[in-house]
Amino acid sequence: MTAASIWNAGAVGVAVGLGAATIAIVLSLTNLLGPWLLSTLGVHGREDDNGNPPS
């Protein structure tokens, strides 16, 4: 989970609270499909030049 996912979850809550169900659904799908798509494509974060994770 990334910080962007946490912010997105907050935005979903605000959208639901304001009655904007369509926006909440789109944000929820983005929150579910975004990380899955990035992992499927092999996109990883914060690796050094040799592909090692941070220590």
N, C-alpha and C. Protein backbone atom coordinates (compact mmCIF):
# COMPACT_ATOMS: atom_id res chain seq x y z
N MET A 1 0.85 -1.17 0.00
CA MET A 1 0.00 0.00 0.00
C MET A 1 0.90 1.23 0.00
N THR A 2 0.50 2.20 -0.76
CA THR A 2 1.27 3.44 -0.83
C THR A 2 0.50 4.57 -0.17
N ALA A 3 1.19 5.66 0.03
CA ALA A 3 0.53 6.85 0.60
C ALA A 3 -0.59 7.33 -0.33
N ALA A 4 -0.39 7.16 -1.63
CA ALA A 4 -1.43 7.57 -2.58
C ALA A 4 -2.70 6.76 -2.37
N SER A 5 -2.56 5.49 -2.04
CA SER A 5 -3.73 4.65 -1.78
C SER A 5 -4.49 5.13 -0.55
N ILE A 6 -3.74 5.57 0.47
CA ILE A 6 -4.39 6.07 1.68
C ILE A 6 -5.13 7.37 1.40
N TRP A 7 -4.51 8.27 0.63
CA TRP A 7 -5.19 9.51 0.26
C TRP A 7 -6.42 9.22 -0.59
N ASN A 8 -6.30 8.24 -1.48
CA ASN A 8 -7.42 7.86 -2.33
C ASN A 8 -8.57 7.34 -1.47
N ALA A 9 -8.27 6.53 -0.47
CA ALA A 9 -9.32 6.02 0.42
C ALA A 9 -10.01 7.17 1.14
N GLY A 10 -9.27 8.17 1.54
CA GLY A 10 -9.87 9.35 2.16
C GLY A 10 -10.78 10.09 1.19
N ALA A 11 -10.34 10.19 -0.05
CA ALA A 11 -11.16 10.86 -1.07
C ALA A 11 -12.44 10.08 -1.34
N VAL A 12 -12.36 8.76 -1.28
CA VAL A 12 -13.57 7.94 -1.45
C VAL A 12 -14.55 8.25 -0.33
N GLY A 13 -14.05 8.36 0.89
CA GLY A 13 -14.92 8.69 2.02
C GLY A 13 -15.58 10.05 1.86
N VAL A 14 -14.82 11.02 1.40
CA VAL A 14 -15.39 12.35 1.18
C VAL A 14 -16.45 12.30 0.08
N ALA A 15 -16.15 11.58 -1.00
CA ALA A 15 -17.11 11.49 -2.11
C ALA A 15 -18.41 10.82 -1.65
N VAL A 16 -18.29 9.77 -0.85
CA VAL A 16 -19.49 9.11 -0.33
C VAL A 16 -20.26 10.06 0.58
N GLY A 17 -19.53 10.77 1.42
CA GLY A 17 -20.18 11.71 2.34
C GLY A 17 -20.91 12.82 1.61
N LEU A 18 -20.41 13.21 0.46
CA LEU A 18 -21.05 14.27 -0.31
C LEU A 18 -22.10 13.74 -1.28
N GLY A 19 -22.27 12.43 -1.31
CA GLY A 19 -23.29 11.83 -2.18
C GLY A 19 -22.85 11.66 -3.62
N ALA A 20 -21.56 11.70 -3.88
CA ALA A 20 -21.05 11.55 -5.25
C ALA A 20 -20.63 10.09 -5.46
N ALA A 21 -21.62 9.23 -5.65
CA ALA A 21 -21.36 7.79 -5.75
C ALA A 21 -20.52 7.43 -6.96
N THR A 22 -20.72 8.10 -8.07
CA THR A 22 -19.97 7.79 -9.28
C THR A 22 -18.48 8.07 -9.07
N ILE A 23 -18.17 9.18 -8.46
CA ILE A 23 -16.77 9.52 -8.18
C ILE A 23 -16.19 8.51 -7.21
N ALA A 24 -16.95 8.12 -6.20
CA ALA A 24 -16.47 7.14 -5.22
C ALA A 24 -16.17 5.81 -5.88
N ILE A 25 -17.02 5.39 -6.80
CA ILE A 25 -16.80 4.12 -7.50
C ILE A 25 -15.55 4.19 -8.36
N VAL A 26 -15.38 5.28 -9.10
CA VAL A 26 -14.19 5.43 -9.95
C VAL A 26 -12.92 5.44 -9.11
N LEU A 27 -12.94 6.16 -7.99
CA LEU A 27 -11.77 6.20 -7.12
C LEU A 27 -11.49 4.83 -6.50
N SER A 28 -12.52 4.10 -6.14
CA SER A 28 -12.34 2.77 -5.58
C SER A 28 -11.72 1.82 -6.60
N LEU A 29 -12.21 1.88 -7.82
CA LEU A 29 -11.63 1.04 -8.87
C LEU A 29 -10.18 1.41 -9.14
N THR A 30 -9.89 2.71 -9.12
CA THR A 30 -8.50 3.15 -9.30
C THR A 30 -7.63 2.62 -8.17
N ASN A 31 -8.16 2.64 -6.96
CA ASN A 31 -7.40 2.18 -5.81
C ASN A 31 -7.17 0.66 -5.86
N LEU A 32 -8.09 -0.07 -6.44
CA LEU A 32 -7.93 -1.52 -6.56
C LEU A 32 -7.08 -1.93 -7.76
N LEU A 33 -7.32 -1.29 -8.89
CA LEU A 33 -6.66 -1.73 -10.12
C LEU A 33 -5.28 -1.11 -10.32
N GLY A 34 -5.03 0.05 -9.76
CA GLY A 34 -3.74 0.71 -9.95
C GLY A 34 -2.56 -0.11 -9.46
N PRO A 35 -2.52 -0.50 -8.20
CA PRO A 35 -1.40 -1.31 -7.72
C PRO A 35 -1.30 -2.67 -8.42
N TRP A 36 -2.44 -3.27 -8.73
CA TRP A 36 -2.42 -4.55 -9.44
C TRP A 36 -1.78 -4.39 -10.82
N LEU A 37 -2.17 -3.34 -11.53
CA LEU A 37 -1.62 -3.10 -12.86
C LEU A 37 -0.12 -2.83 -12.80
N LEU A 38 0.31 -2.02 -11.84
CA LEU A 38 1.73 -1.72 -11.72
C LEU A 38 2.54 -2.97 -11.38
N SER A 39 2.02 -3.82 -10.51
CA SER A 39 2.75 -5.04 -10.18
C SER A 39 2.77 -6.01 -11.36
N THR A 40 1.69 -6.03 -12.13
CA THR A 40 1.64 -6.88 -13.32
C THR A 40 2.66 -6.43 -14.35
N LEU A 41 2.82 -5.13 -14.49
CA LEU A 41 3.79 -4.59 -15.45
C LEU A 41 5.22 -4.65 -14.92
N GLY A 42 5.38 -5.01 -13.67
CA GLY A 42 6.72 -5.13 -13.10
C GLY A 42 7.30 -3.81 -12.64
N VAL A 43 6.45 -2.84 -12.37
CA VAL A 43 6.94 -1.54 -11.91
C VAL A 43 7.10 -1.62 -10.39
N HIS A 44 8.31 -1.34 -9.93
CA HIS A 44 8.61 -1.36 -8.50
C HIS A 44 9.20 -0.02 -8.14
N GLY A 45 9.18 0.31 -6.89
CA GLY A 45 9.69 1.60 -6.47
C GLY A 45 10.95 1.50 -5.63
N ARG A 46 11.72 2.55 -5.66
CA ARG A 46 12.87 2.77 -4.78
C ARG A 46 13.93 1.69 -4.84
N GLU A 47 14.25 1.22 -6.01
CA GLU A 47 15.34 0.27 -6.16
C GLU A 47 16.59 1.03 -6.57
N ASP A 48 17.73 0.49 -6.22
CA ASP A 48 18.97 1.11 -6.66
C ASP A 48 19.27 0.68 -8.09
N ASP A 49 20.42 1.06 -8.62
CA ASP A 49 20.77 0.77 -10.00
C ASP A 49 20.92 -0.73 -10.26
N ASN A 50 21.17 -1.51 -9.21
CA ASN A 50 21.34 -2.95 -9.37
C ASN A 50 20.03 -3.72 -9.15
N GLY A 51 18.96 -3.02 -8.88
CA GLY A 51 17.66 -3.66 -8.66
C GLY A 51 17.45 -4.14 -7.24
N ASN A 52 18.31 -3.70 -6.32
CA ASN A 52 18.19 -4.12 -4.92
C ASN A 52 17.23 -3.20 -4.18
N PRO A 53 16.40 -3.78 -3.30
CA PRO A 53 15.49 -2.91 -2.51
C PRO A 53 16.29 -2.10 -1.50
N PRO A 54 15.69 -1.03 -1.00
CA PRO A 54 16.41 -0.21 -0.01
C PRO A 54 16.66 -1.00 1.27
N SER A 55 17.77 -0.70 1.90
CA SER A 55 18.10 -1.42 3.14
C SER A 55 17.66 -0.66 4.36
